Every structure is written in structure tokens, then in C-alpha cells.
Amino acid sequence: MKQVHLWEAPFSGVDRVLLRKAAGALAKYACDGPIVGQRVAGDPVYDEITCSHPLSKAAVRFLSWMASHLGAQEFSNELLIHDDPLSIVYQAGPAWCSVGTLEVPRMGDFLLLDVPFHHCIVSSYEGTKMNSWDYGQYHDAKQLPCGRPMERAVTRPFTLGDSKIVGWVNIERLHFDTCATVPDSFVLGTQAQ
């Protein structure tokens, strides 16, 4: 892993394109392990992200790890302090987006689903389907908790699979208080120059 600045220029706003690119690279790294497209309990990356907590806590640990690695350390810490699925709504403040706004979730946004409560990271959203990176899943063949990419059908009113979408955190609106930490393979391109 390496540290990078995601700001457009010193003391200015975050580079939105670079932020979403970094979020995608981090989520892919978190979910793409030796078992193609999945990380399972016992994998060093999975265990670092979940801190060996039970399956029921893995999804919020994943969000906290993502926020921390993107440079939103304060938000990451608040997620862990207020260990309640709905605390993300209150901790996100102006970054919170409710269903019914004109916005749609985009790559890297933190999604909150209802019944059962679940968090995931959006990979892509295309009208009738949403791809996401999820922790708090179970690898059937290995009989172990895992993190993996998921594809679900989207129906109106904002239902993903069998769960309703409560809302999401627009990562562009988070407060970034430190450098991002991204996989070594992450390429900055020309935007960080």
C-alpha cells in the first residue's frame, strides 16, 4: 500500500475523479483475493479489514476501513464508536443522500440497505442492476465469511434484491483529514500532478 493525495491542489477540494478511482481500487483490493473475486476469513487482508470480528460486524468494518484508507479518518472512527447500522446516517451529515433525491449512488459510495440492515460499497449502478463490493457475506464452498463482489437487480422504489435502499453516503462530501492509502498497483495518472 502507498499514500497519495487526492486533492486537486493544496488546501482545495478533493479531486472527485481520483477519489472515485481510489475507492474502486481499494474495494477491489479488499474483495479480490486468492479465491478469484473473493476474500475469506483467514486471508490477511480480510482479517485486517474485519479485525476478526463476527460476520454480523464485517460490513460496517469494511466501510470504516474504506473511509480510513480514503483519508476520512474522523468518519471512519465515528462508524466504529457508534456500532449501530443506522449510525451511518447521523455520522455522514451532509454526505448522506436519501432515496428520492435526484442523485443516484455512484462508484465508491457507501450504501445502506434495510431489512436486514446491510452496508456495501457501490461498484456501478445501471438502471436495473447494481454491482457492489460486500463484506458480511458467506462463501458456501469454503464455509467461511467473505468479502466479494455482488450483482443485484434494482426495482422501484429503490429496492436492491430483497432489501430496500435506505440511502447512501456520497464519498465526495466526506471530510478528508489525511492522505489516502491505496494499493501499490493504483496509478495516479495526470490528475494528481
N, C-alpha and C. Protein backbone atom coordinates (compact mmCIF):
# COMPACT_ATOMS: atom_id res chain seq x y z
N MET A 1 0.85 -1.18 0.00
CA MET A 1 0.00 0.00 0.00
C MET A 1 0.90 1.24 0.00
N LYS A 2 0.37 2.32 -0.60
CA LYS A 2 1.12 3.58 -0.64
C LYS A 2 0.17 4.74 -0.35
N GLN A 3 0.74 5.85 0.11
CA GLN A 3 -0.06 7.03 0.41
C GLN A 3 -0.07 7.98 -0.79
N VAL A 4 -1.24 8.57 -1.05
CA VAL A 4 -1.39 9.55 -2.13
C VAL A 4 -2.29 10.69 -1.66
N HIS A 5 -2.12 11.86 -2.26
CA HIS A 5 -3.01 12.99 -2.01
C HIS A 5 -4.10 12.97 -3.07
N LEU A 6 -5.34 13.16 -2.63
CA LEU A 6 -6.46 13.16 -3.56
C LEU A 6 -7.00 14.57 -3.81
N TRP A 7 -6.24 15.59 -3.39
CA TRP A 7 -6.70 16.97 -3.57
C TRP A 7 -6.29 17.48 -4.94
N GLU A 8 -7.12 18.38 -5.49
CA GLU A 8 -6.82 18.99 -6.78
C GLU A 8 -5.58 19.87 -6.68
N ALA A 9 -5.46 20.59 -5.57
CA ALA A 9 -4.31 21.45 -5.29
C ALA A 9 -4.27 21.60 -3.77
N PRO A 10 -3.15 22.02 -3.21
CA PRO A 10 -3.08 22.18 -1.75
C PRO A 10 -4.23 23.06 -1.22
N PHE A 11 -4.87 22.59 -0.16
CA PHE A 11 -5.94 23.30 0.54
C PHE A 11 -7.18 23.53 -0.33
N SER A 12 -7.37 22.73 -1.34
CA SER A 12 -8.59 22.84 -2.16
C SER A 12 -9.41 21.57 -2.00
N GLY A 13 -10.46 21.46 -2.77
CA GLY A 13 -11.33 20.29 -2.69
C GLY A 13 -10.67 19.04 -3.21
N VAL A 14 -11.31 17.93 -2.90
CA VAL A 14 -10.82 16.64 -3.34
C VAL A 14 -11.06 16.50 -4.85
N ASP A 15 -10.15 15.84 -5.53
CA ASP A 15 -10.31 15.54 -6.95
C ASP A 15 -11.33 14.40 -7.04
N ARG A 16 -12.53 14.70 -7.49
CA ARG A 16 -13.63 13.73 -7.46
C ARG A 16 -13.37 12.50 -8.31
N VAL A 17 -12.80 12.70 -9.46
CA VAL A 17 -12.50 11.57 -10.35
C VAL A 17 -11.46 10.66 -9.69
N LEU A 18 -10.42 11.26 -9.15
CA LEU A 18 -9.37 10.49 -8.50
C LEU A 18 -9.89 9.78 -7.25
N LEU A 19 -10.76 10.45 -6.49
CA LEU A 19 -11.36 9.85 -5.29
C LEU A 19 -12.14 8.59 -5.66
N ARG A 20 -12.98 8.67 -6.67
CA ARG A 20 -13.80 7.51 -7.04
C ARG A 20 -12.92 6.39 -7.62
N LYS A 21 -11.88 6.76 -8.33
CA LYS A 21 -10.93 5.77 -8.85
C LYS A 21 -10.22 5.07 -7.68
N ALA A 22 -9.81 5.84 -6.68
CA ALA A 22 -9.16 5.26 -5.50
C ALA A 22 -10.12 4.36 -4.73
N ALA A 23 -11.38 4.78 -4.60
CA ALA A 23 -12.38 3.96 -3.89
C ALA A 23 -12.58 2.62 -4.61
N GLY A 24 -12.66 2.67 -5.94
CA GLY A 24 -12.81 1.43 -6.70
C GLY A 24 -11.62 0.51 -6.54
N ALA A 25 -10.41 1.07 -6.57
CA ALA A 25 -9.20 0.26 -6.41
C ALA A 25 -9.14 -0.36 -5.02
N LEU A 26 -9.51 0.40 -4.00
CA LEU A 26 -9.49 -0.13 -2.63
C LEU A 26 -10.51 -1.25 -2.44
N ALA A 27 -11.73 -1.03 -2.92
CA ALA A 27 -12.78 -2.05 -2.76
C ALA A 27 -12.43 -3.32 -3.53
N LYS A 28 -11.89 -3.17 -4.72
CA LYS A 28 -11.46 -4.35 -5.50
C LYS A 28 -10.36 -5.10 -4.75
N TYR A 29 -9.39 -4.36 -4.21
CA TYR A 29 -8.32 -4.97 -3.43
C TYR A 29 -8.89 -5.72 -2.23
N ALA A 30 -9.87 -5.13 -1.57
CA ALA A 30 -10.46 -5.74 -0.37
C ALA A 30 -11.22 -7.02 -0.68
N CYS A 31 -11.75 -7.13 -1.89
CA CYS A 31 -12.60 -8.27 -2.24
C CYS A 31 -11.96 -9.26 -3.21
N ASP A 32 -10.82 -8.93 -3.78
CA ASP A 32 -10.22 -9.79 -4.80
C ASP A 32 -9.02 -10.52 -4.23
N GLY A 33 -9.27 -11.69 -3.68
CA GLY A 33 -8.20 -12.45 -3.04
C GLY A 33 -7.79 -13.67 -3.83
N PRO A 34 -7.10 -14.59 -3.17
CA PRO A 34 -6.63 -15.82 -3.83
C PRO A 34 -7.76 -16.66 -4.42
N ILE A 35 -8.93 -16.62 -3.77
CA ILE A 35 -10.11 -17.25 -4.35
C ILE A 35 -10.66 -16.18 -5.27
N VAL A 36 -10.59 -16.38 -6.56
CA VAL A 36 -10.86 -15.34 -7.55
C VAL A 36 -12.13 -14.55 -7.20
N GLY A 37 -11.94 -13.25 -7.01
CA GLY A 37 -13.05 -12.36 -6.74
C GLY A 37 -13.57 -12.40 -5.32
N GLN A 38 -12.86 -13.04 -4.39
CA GLN A 38 -13.35 -13.11 -3.01
C GLN A 38 -12.19 -13.14 -2.03
N ARG A 39 -12.44 -12.62 -0.85
CA ARG A 39 -11.51 -12.78 0.29
C ARG A 39 -12.29 -13.46 1.40
N VAL A 40 -11.69 -14.43 2.04
CA VAL A 40 -12.37 -15.18 3.10
C VAL A 40 -11.64 -15.01 4.42
N ALA A 41 -12.35 -15.32 5.51
CA ALA A 41 -11.74 -15.28 6.84
C ALA A 41 -10.47 -16.13 6.82
N GLY A 42 -9.41 -15.62 7.42
CA GLY A 42 -8.12 -16.29 7.39
C GLY A 42 -7.17 -15.65 6.40
N ASP A 43 -7.71 -14.99 5.38
CA ASP A 43 -6.89 -14.21 4.45
C ASP A 43 -6.42 -12.97 5.22
N PRO A 44 -5.14 -12.61 5.14
CA PRO A 44 -4.63 -11.47 5.93
C PRO A 44 -5.36 -10.15 5.66
N VAL A 45 -5.77 -9.91 4.42
CA VAL A 45 -6.48 -8.66 4.10
C VAL A 45 -7.88 -8.69 4.72
N TYR A 46 -8.59 -9.81 4.59
CA TYR A 46 -9.92 -9.94 5.19
C TYR A 46 -9.84 -9.73 6.70
N ASP A 47 -8.87 -10.38 7.33
CA ASP A 47 -8.74 -10.28 8.78
C ASP A 47 -8.35 -8.86 9.23
N GLU A 48 -7.53 -8.16 8.43
CA GLU A 48 -7.19 -6.77 8.75
C GLU A 48 -8.44 -5.89 8.69
N ILE A 49 -9.24 -6.07 7.67
CA ILE A 49 -10.44 -5.24 7.48
C ILE A 49 -11.46 -5.50 8.59
N THR A 50 -11.71 -6.74 8.89
CA THR A 50 -12.75 -7.07 9.87
C THR A 50 -12.24 -7.11 11.31
N CYS A 51 -10.93 -7.05 11.48
CA CYS A 51 -10.32 -7.19 12.82
C CYS A 51 -10.82 -8.46 13.50
N SER A 52 -11.08 -9.49 12.69
CA SER A 52 -11.56 -10.80 13.15
C SER A 52 -12.88 -10.71 13.92
N HIS A 53 -13.67 -9.66 13.66
CA HIS A 53 -14.99 -9.55 14.28
C HIS A 53 -15.95 -10.53 13.59
N PRO A 54 -17.08 -10.83 14.23
CA PRO A 54 -18.03 -11.77 13.63
C PRO A 54 -18.61 -11.25 12.32
N LEU A 55 -19.19 -12.17 11.59
CA LEU A 55 -19.78 -11.88 10.28
C LEU A 55 -20.74 -10.69 10.34
N SER A 56 -21.52 -10.58 11.42
CA SER A 56 -22.51 -9.51 11.53
C SER A 56 -21.89 -8.12 11.59
N LYS A 57 -20.63 -8.01 11.95
CA LYS A 57 -19.94 -6.72 12.04
C LYS A 57 -19.05 -6.44 10.83
N ALA A 58 -18.91 -7.40 9.94
CA ALA A 58 -17.95 -7.28 8.84
C ALA A 58 -18.27 -6.13 7.88
N ALA A 59 -19.55 -5.89 7.59
CA ALA A 59 -19.91 -4.86 6.61
C ALA A 59 -19.56 -3.46 7.12
N VAL A 60 -19.86 -3.16 8.38
CA VAL A 60 -19.54 -1.83 8.91
C VAL A 60 -18.02 -1.69 9.08
N ARG A 61 -17.32 -2.76 9.38
CA ARG A 61 -15.85 -2.73 9.45
C ARG A 61 -15.27 -2.42 8.06
N PHE A 62 -15.88 -2.98 7.03
CA PHE A 62 -15.45 -2.72 5.66
C PHE A 62 -15.60 -1.23 5.33
N LEU A 63 -16.75 -0.63 5.65
CA LEU A 63 -16.96 0.79 5.41
C LEU A 63 -15.95 1.63 6.18
N SER A 64 -15.72 1.28 7.43
CA SER A 64 -14.76 2.02 8.25
C SER A 64 -13.36 1.93 7.64
N TRP A 65 -12.96 0.75 7.21
CA TRP A 65 -11.65 0.55 6.58
C TRP A 65 -11.55 1.38 5.31
N MET A 66 -12.63 1.38 4.50
CA MET A 66 -12.63 2.17 3.27
C MET A 66 -12.48 3.65 3.57
N ALA A 67 -13.27 4.16 4.51
CA ALA A 67 -13.22 5.59 4.86
C ALA A 67 -11.83 5.97 5.35
N SER A 68 -11.26 5.13 6.19
CA SER A 68 -9.92 5.39 6.73
C SER A 68 -8.89 5.43 5.62
N HIS A 69 -8.95 4.47 4.71
CA HIS A 69 -7.97 4.40 3.63
C HIS A 69 -8.17 5.50 2.58
N LEU A 70 -9.38 6.04 2.47
CA LEU A 70 -9.60 7.16 1.56
C LEU A 70 -9.15 8.49 2.17
N GLY A 71 -8.91 8.49 3.48
CA GLY A 71 -8.45 9.70 4.14
C GLY A 71 -9.50 10.39 4.98
N ALA A 72 -10.66 9.76 5.18
CA ALA A 72 -11.73 10.31 6.01
C ALA A 72 -11.67 9.63 7.38
N GLN A 73 -10.58 9.85 8.09
CA GLN A 73 -10.30 9.16 9.34
C GLN A 73 -11.36 9.43 10.42
N GLU A 74 -11.80 10.68 10.54
CA GLU A 74 -12.78 11.02 11.58
C GLU A 74 -14.08 10.25 11.35
N PHE A 75 -14.56 10.20 10.10
CA PHE A 75 -15.77 9.46 9.77
C PHE A 75 -15.58 7.97 10.07
N SER A 76 -14.41 7.44 9.72
CA SER A 76 -14.09 6.04 9.99
C SER A 76 -14.19 5.74 11.48
N ASN A 77 -13.60 6.60 12.30
CA ASN A 77 -13.64 6.39 13.76
C ASN A 77 -15.06 6.45 14.31
N GLU A 78 -15.86 7.39 13.80
CA GLU A 78 -17.24 7.52 14.27
C GLU A 78 -18.06 6.27 13.95
N LEU A 79 -17.81 5.66 12.80
CA LEU A 79 -18.53 4.43 12.45
C LEU A 79 -18.26 3.33 13.48
N LEU A 80 -17.03 3.26 13.95
CA LEU A 80 -16.67 2.21 14.92
C LEU A 80 -17.17 2.52 16.32
N ILE A 81 -17.20 3.79 16.68
CA ILE A 81 -17.66 4.18 18.02
C ILE A 81 -19.16 3.92 18.16
N HIS A 82 -19.93 4.30 17.15
CA HIS A 82 -21.38 4.14 17.17
C HIS A 82 -21.73 2.91 16.36
N ASP A 83 -21.59 1.76 16.98
CA ASP A 83 -21.74 0.48 16.30
C ASP A 83 -23.21 0.11 16.13
N ASP A 84 -23.89 0.86 15.29
CA ASP A 84 -25.31 0.68 15.03
C ASP A 84 -25.50 0.90 13.53
N PRO A 85 -26.23 0.01 12.85
CA PRO A 85 -26.36 0.16 11.39
C PRO A 85 -26.86 1.54 10.95
N LEU A 86 -27.74 2.15 11.72
CA LEU A 86 -28.27 3.45 11.32
C LEU A 86 -27.37 4.61 11.69
N SER A 87 -26.32 4.36 12.47
CA SER A 87 -25.44 5.47 12.87
C SER A 87 -24.77 6.11 11.67
N ILE A 88 -24.66 5.37 10.58
CA ILE A 88 -24.04 5.93 9.37
C ILE A 88 -24.83 7.15 8.89
N VAL A 89 -26.15 7.15 9.07
CA VAL A 89 -26.98 8.27 8.65
C VAL A 89 -26.58 9.54 9.40
N TYR A 90 -26.41 9.41 10.71
CA TYR A 90 -26.10 10.57 11.54
C TYR A 90 -24.64 10.99 11.41
N GLN A 91 -23.75 10.02 11.26
CA GLN A 91 -22.32 10.34 11.18
C GLN A 91 -21.96 10.98 9.84
N ALA A 92 -22.71 10.67 8.79
CA ALA A 92 -22.37 11.19 7.46
C ALA A 92 -22.72 12.66 7.30
N GLY A 93 -23.67 13.16 8.07
CA GLY A 93 -24.06 14.57 7.99
C GLY A 93 -24.43 14.95 6.57
N PRO A 94 -23.80 16.01 6.01
CA PRO A 94 -24.16 16.47 4.67
C PRO A 94 -23.79 15.50 3.55
N ALA A 95 -23.01 14.47 3.86
CA ALA A 95 -22.66 13.47 2.84
C ALA A 95 -23.78 12.45 2.64
N TRP A 96 -24.79 12.44 3.56
CA TRP A 96 -25.88 11.48 3.47
C TRP A 96 -26.85 11.85 2.35
N CYS A 97 -27.24 10.87 1.54
CA CYS A 97 -28.22 11.05 0.46
C CYS A 97 -29.38 10.10 0.71
N SER A 98 -30.58 10.64 0.79
CA SER A 98 -31.77 9.81 0.99
C SER A 98 -32.34 9.40 -0.35
N VAL A 99 -33.04 8.29 -0.34
CA VAL A 99 -33.75 7.85 -1.53
C VAL A 99 -34.78 8.91 -1.88
N GLY A 100 -34.93 9.20 -3.15
CA GLY A 100 -35.90 10.18 -3.58
C GLY A 100 -35.26 11.48 -4.04
N THR A 101 -33.97 11.65 -3.75
CA THR A 101 -33.27 12.82 -4.26
C THR A 101 -33.01 12.60 -5.74
N LEU A 102 -32.54 13.60 -6.41
CA LEU A 102 -32.24 13.47 -7.83
C LEU A 102 -30.93 12.73 -8.08
N GLU A 103 -30.17 12.53 -7.02
CA GLU A 103 -28.89 11.82 -7.15
C GLU A 103 -29.10 10.32 -7.21
N VAL A 104 -28.12 9.64 -7.75
CA VAL A 104 -28.07 8.18 -7.68
C VAL A 104 -26.71 7.80 -7.12
N PRO A 105 -26.62 6.66 -6.44
CA PRO A 105 -25.32 6.25 -5.92
C PRO A 105 -24.34 5.96 -7.05
N ARG A 106 -23.07 6.30 -6.82
CA ARG A 106 -22.03 6.07 -7.82
C ARG A 106 -20.89 5.28 -7.20
N MET A 107 -19.94 4.87 -8.07
CA MET A 107 -18.84 4.03 -7.62
C MET A 107 -18.16 4.63 -6.38
N GLY A 108 -18.02 3.78 -5.37
CA GLY A 108 -17.34 4.17 -4.14
C GLY A 108 -18.27 4.64 -3.04
N ASP A 109 -19.53 4.98 -3.38
CA ASP A 109 -20.46 5.44 -2.34
C ASP A 109 -20.80 4.29 -1.40
N PHE A 110 -21.08 4.63 -0.13
CA PHE A 110 -21.41 3.65 0.90
C PHE A 110 -22.92 3.52 0.97
N LEU A 111 -23.44 2.35 0.65
CA LEU A 111 -24.88 2.12 0.58
C LEU A 111 -25.39 1.48 1.87
N LEU A 112 -26.59 1.90 2.33
CA LEU A 112 -27.23 1.30 3.49
C LEU A 112 -28.54 0.66 3.03
N LEU A 113 -28.68 -0.63 3.29
CA LEU A 113 -29.89 -1.39 2.95
C LEU A 113 -30.65 -1.70 4.24
N ASP A 114 -31.96 -1.86 4.11
CA ASP A 114 -32.83 -2.13 5.24
C ASP A 114 -33.41 -3.53 5.12
N VAL A 115 -33.60 -4.17 6.24
CA VAL A 115 -34.26 -5.47 6.39
C VAL A 115 -33.67 -6.52 5.46
N PRO A 116 -32.64 -7.20 5.83
CA PRO A 116 -31.85 -6.90 7.04
C PRO A 116 -30.88 -5.75 6.76
N PHE A 117 -30.51 -5.02 7.83
CA PHE A 117 -29.56 -3.93 7.66
C PHE A 117 -28.25 -4.46 7.10
N HIS A 118 -27.76 -3.77 6.11
CA HIS A 118 -26.50 -4.17 5.48
C HIS A 118 -25.86 -2.96 4.83
N HIS A 119 -24.54 -2.90 4.84
CA HIS A 119 -23.78 -1.85 4.17
C HIS A 119 -22.96 -2.48 3.06
N CYS A 120 -22.75 -1.74 1.98
CA CYS A 120 -21.87 -2.20 0.92
C CYS A 120 -21.31 -0.99 0.18
N ILE A 121 -20.35 -1.23 -0.69
CA ILE A 121 -19.73 -0.18 -1.48
C ILE A 121 -20.21 -0.34 -2.92
N VAL A 122 -20.73 0.74 -3.50
CA VAL A 122 -21.25 0.68 -4.86
C VAL A 122 -20.10 0.56 -5.86
N SER A 123 -20.24 -0.38 -6.77
CA SER A 123 -19.29 -0.53 -7.87
C SER A 123 -19.85 0.17 -9.12
N SER A 124 -21.08 -0.16 -9.46
CA SER A 124 -21.75 0.51 -10.58
C SER A 124 -23.25 0.40 -10.41
N TYR A 125 -23.95 1.36 -10.98
CA TYR A 125 -25.42 1.39 -10.92
C TYR A 125 -25.91 1.72 -12.31
N GLU A 126 -26.66 0.81 -12.90
CA GLU A 126 -27.13 0.98 -14.28
C GLU A 126 -28.61 0.64 -14.37
N GLY A 127 -29.45 1.54 -13.92
CA GLY A 127 -30.89 1.39 -14.06
C GLY A 127 -31.52 0.20 -13.37
N THR A 128 -31.34 -1.00 -13.92
CA THR A 128 -32.00 -2.18 -13.35
C THR A 128 -31.04 -3.12 -12.62
N LYS A 129 -29.76 -2.76 -12.55
CA LYS A 129 -28.84 -3.61 -11.79
C LYS A 129 -27.79 -2.75 -11.09
N MET A 130 -27.37 -3.25 -9.95
CA MET A 130 -26.31 -2.59 -9.20
C MET A 130 -25.27 -3.63 -8.85
N ASN A 131 -24.02 -3.28 -9.09
CA ASN A 131 -22.90 -4.10 -8.67
C ASN A 131 -22.30 -3.44 -7.43
N SER A 132 -21.87 -4.24 -6.49
CA SER A 132 -21.30 -3.71 -5.26
C SER A 132 -20.22 -4.64 -4.75
N TRP A 133 -19.44 -4.11 -3.81
CA TRP A 133 -18.47 -4.90 -3.08
C TRP A 133 -19.02 -5.04 -1.67
N ASP A 134 -19.14 -6.28 -1.21
CA ASP A 134 -19.80 -6.56 0.07
C ASP A 134 -18.95 -7.40 1.00
N TYR A 135 -18.94 -7.02 2.26
CA TYR A 135 -18.45 -7.88 3.34
C TYR A 135 -19.68 -8.31 4.12
N GLY A 136 -19.54 -9.29 5.01
CA GLY A 136 -20.70 -9.79 5.72
C GLY A 136 -21.43 -10.85 4.89
N GLN A 137 -20.73 -11.42 3.92
CA GLN A 137 -21.28 -12.48 3.08
C GLN A 137 -20.70 -13.82 3.56
N TYR A 138 -21.15 -14.89 2.92
CA TYR A 138 -20.69 -16.22 3.31
C TYR A 138 -20.31 -16.99 2.07
N HIS A 139 -19.09 -17.52 2.05
CA HIS A 139 -18.61 -18.34 0.92
C HIS A 139 -19.09 -19.76 1.16
N ASP A 140 -20.04 -20.21 0.34
CA ASP A 140 -20.67 -21.51 0.56
C ASP A 140 -19.69 -22.68 0.47
N ALA A 141 -18.85 -22.69 -0.55
CA ALA A 141 -17.95 -23.83 -0.75
C ALA A 141 -16.90 -23.92 0.36
N LYS A 142 -16.37 -22.79 0.79
CA LYS A 142 -15.33 -22.78 1.82
C LYS A 142 -15.92 -22.79 3.23
N GLN A 143 -17.23 -22.52 3.35
CA GLN A 143 -17.88 -22.45 4.65
C GLN A 143 -17.22 -21.40 5.56
N LEU A 144 -16.90 -20.24 4.97
CA LEU A 144 -16.23 -19.16 5.70
C LEU A 144 -16.87 -17.81 5.37
N PRO A 145 -16.82 -16.85 6.31
CA PRO A 145 -17.25 -15.49 5.99
C PRO A 145 -16.35 -14.92 4.90
N CYS A 146 -16.91 -14.04 4.06
CA CYS A 146 -16.11 -13.49 2.97
C CYS A 146 -16.53 -12.08 2.59
N GLY A 147 -15.67 -11.45 1.80
CA GLY A 147 -15.96 -10.20 1.12
C GLY A 147 -15.89 -10.50 -0.36
N ARG A 148 -16.87 -10.00 -1.14
CA ARG A 148 -16.89 -10.34 -2.56
C ARG A 148 -17.74 -9.34 -3.34
N PRO A 149 -17.55 -9.33 -4.66
CA PRO A 149 -18.42 -8.51 -5.50
C PRO A 149 -19.80 -9.16 -5.60
N MET A 150 -20.82 -8.34 -5.70
CA MET A 150 -22.20 -8.84 -5.81
C MET A 150 -22.89 -8.11 -6.96
N GLU A 151 -23.85 -8.77 -7.58
CA GLU A 151 -24.72 -8.13 -8.57
C GLU A 151 -26.15 -8.39 -8.14
N ARG A 152 -26.94 -7.31 -8.08
CA ARG A 152 -28.34 -7.45 -7.66
C ARG A 152 -29.24 -6.68 -8.62
N ALA A 153 -30.47 -7.16 -8.74
CA ALA A 153 -31.46 -6.44 -9.55
C ALA A 153 -31.98 -5.25 -8.75
N VAL A 154 -32.20 -4.14 -9.44
CA VAL A 154 -32.77 -2.94 -8.82
C VAL A 154 -34.18 -2.76 -9.35
N THR A 155 -35.12 -2.63 -8.43
CA THR A 155 -36.50 -2.36 -8.82
C THR A 155 -36.94 -1.08 -8.12
N ARG A 156 -37.98 -0.50 -8.56
CA ARG A 156 -38.50 0.72 -7.91
C ARG A 156 -39.52 0.29 -6.87
N PRO A 157 -39.70 0.96 -5.77
CA PRO A 157 -38.95 2.13 -5.35
C PRO A 157 -37.65 1.73 -4.66
N PHE A 158 -36.56 1.90 -5.32
CA PHE A 158 -35.22 1.66 -4.81
C PHE A 158 -35.12 0.41 -3.95
N THR A 159 -35.34 -0.71 -4.55
CA THR A 159 -35.17 -1.99 -3.87
C THR A 159 -34.03 -2.72 -4.55
N LEU A 160 -33.12 -3.22 -3.75
CA LEU A 160 -31.95 -3.93 -4.25
C LEU A 160 -32.06 -5.37 -3.79
N GLY A 161 -32.27 -6.28 -4.71
CA GLY A 161 -32.51 -7.67 -4.32
C GLY A 161 -33.79 -7.71 -3.50
N ASP A 162 -33.70 -8.22 -2.27
CA ASP A 162 -34.85 -8.28 -1.38
C ASP A 162 -34.88 -7.14 -0.37
N SER A 163 -33.91 -6.24 -0.43
CA SER A 163 -33.79 -5.17 0.58
C SER A 163 -34.06 -3.80 -0.01
N LYS A 164 -34.68 -2.94 0.79
CA LYS A 164 -34.88 -1.55 0.37
C LYS A 164 -33.60 -0.76 0.61
N ILE A 165 -33.33 0.14 -0.32
CA ILE A 165 -32.19 1.05 -0.15
C ILE A 165 -32.66 2.19 0.75
N VAL A 166 -32.00 2.37 1.89
CA VAL A 166 -32.33 3.45 2.81
C VAL A 166 -31.72 4.75 2.29
N GLY A 167 -30.49 4.67 1.82
CA GLY A 167 -29.77 5.82 1.31
C GLY A 167 -28.30 5.48 1.17
N TRP A 168 -27.47 6.50 0.97
CA TRP A 168 -26.05 6.26 0.78
C TRP A 168 -25.24 7.47 1.19
N VAL A 169 -23.96 7.22 1.41
CA VAL A 169 -23.02 8.28 1.70
C VAL A 169 -22.30 8.63 0.40
N ASN A 170 -22.44 9.89 -0.03
CA ASN A 170 -21.73 10.37 -1.20
C ASN A 170 -20.31 10.67 -0.74
N ILE A 171 -19.36 9.85 -1.14
CA ILE A 171 -17.99 9.98 -0.62
C ILE A 171 -17.36 11.32 -0.98
N GLU A 172 -17.85 11.98 -2.02
CA GLU A 172 -17.29 13.28 -2.39
C GLU A 172 -17.54 14.34 -1.33
N ARG A 173 -18.55 14.12 -0.49
CA ARG A 173 -18.92 15.11 0.52
C ARG A 173 -18.33 14.84 1.90
N LEU A 174 -17.57 13.75 2.03
CA LEU A 174 -16.94 13.47 3.32
C LEU A 174 -15.83 14.47 3.58
N HIS A 175 -15.48 14.61 4.85
CA HIS A 175 -14.35 15.47 5.24
C HIS A 175 -13.09 14.60 5.22
N PHE A 176 -12.12 15.00 4.43
CA PHE A 176 -10.87 14.25 4.32
C PHE A 176 -9.81 14.94 5.16
N ASP A 177 -9.26 14.21 6.12
CA ASP A 177 -8.33 14.80 7.07
C ASP A 177 -6.92 14.23 6.98
N THR A 178 -6.68 13.36 6.03
CA THR A 178 -5.35 12.77 5.87
C THR A 178 -5.20 12.24 4.43
N CYS A 179 -4.01 11.80 4.10
CA CYS A 179 -3.76 11.21 2.78
C CYS A 179 -4.52 9.90 2.63
N ALA A 180 -4.77 9.52 1.40
CA ALA A 180 -5.38 8.21 1.13
C ALA A 180 -4.28 7.16 1.09
N THR A 181 -4.63 5.94 1.44
CA THR A 181 -3.73 4.80 1.35
C THR A 181 -4.34 3.84 0.35
N VAL A 182 -3.66 3.61 -0.75
CA VAL A 182 -4.21 2.81 -1.85
C VAL A 182 -3.27 1.65 -2.17
N PRO A 183 -3.78 0.65 -2.90
CA PRO A 183 -2.91 -0.46 -3.31
C PRO A 183 -1.73 0.05 -4.14
N ASP A 184 -0.61 -0.64 -4.05
CA ASP A 184 0.59 -0.25 -4.81
C ASP A 184 0.32 -0.20 -6.31
N SER A 185 -0.63 -0.99 -6.79
CA SER A 185 -0.94 -1.03 -8.22
C SER A 185 -1.73 0.20 -8.69
N PHE A 186 -2.21 1.03 -7.76
CA PHE A 186 -3.02 2.20 -8.11
C PHE A 186 -2.16 3.21 -8.88
N VAL A 187 -2.67 3.64 -10.05
CA VAL A 187 -1.95 4.60 -10.89
C VAL A 187 -2.65 5.94 -10.77
N LEU A 188 -1.87 6.96 -10.41
CA LEU A 188 -2.46 8.29 -10.24
C LEU A 188 -2.86 8.93 -11.55
N GLY A 189 -2.14 8.70 -12.60
CA GLY A 189 -2.45 9.36 -13.87
C GLY A 189 -2.02 10.81 -13.84
N THR A 190 -2.58 11.61 -14.70
CA THR A 190 -2.15 13.01 -14.81
C THR A 190 -2.88 13.93 -13.85
N GLN A 191 -3.96 13.47 -13.21
CA GLN A 191 -4.78 14.37 -12.38
C GLN A 191 -4.11 14.76 -11.07
N ALA A 192 -3.17 14.01 -10.60
CA ALA A 192 -2.55 14.33 -9.31
C ALA A 192 -1.29 15.15 -9.47
N GLN A 193 -0.93 15.50 -10.68
CA GLN A 193 0.32 16.25 -10.91
C GLN A 193 0.22 17.64 -10.37
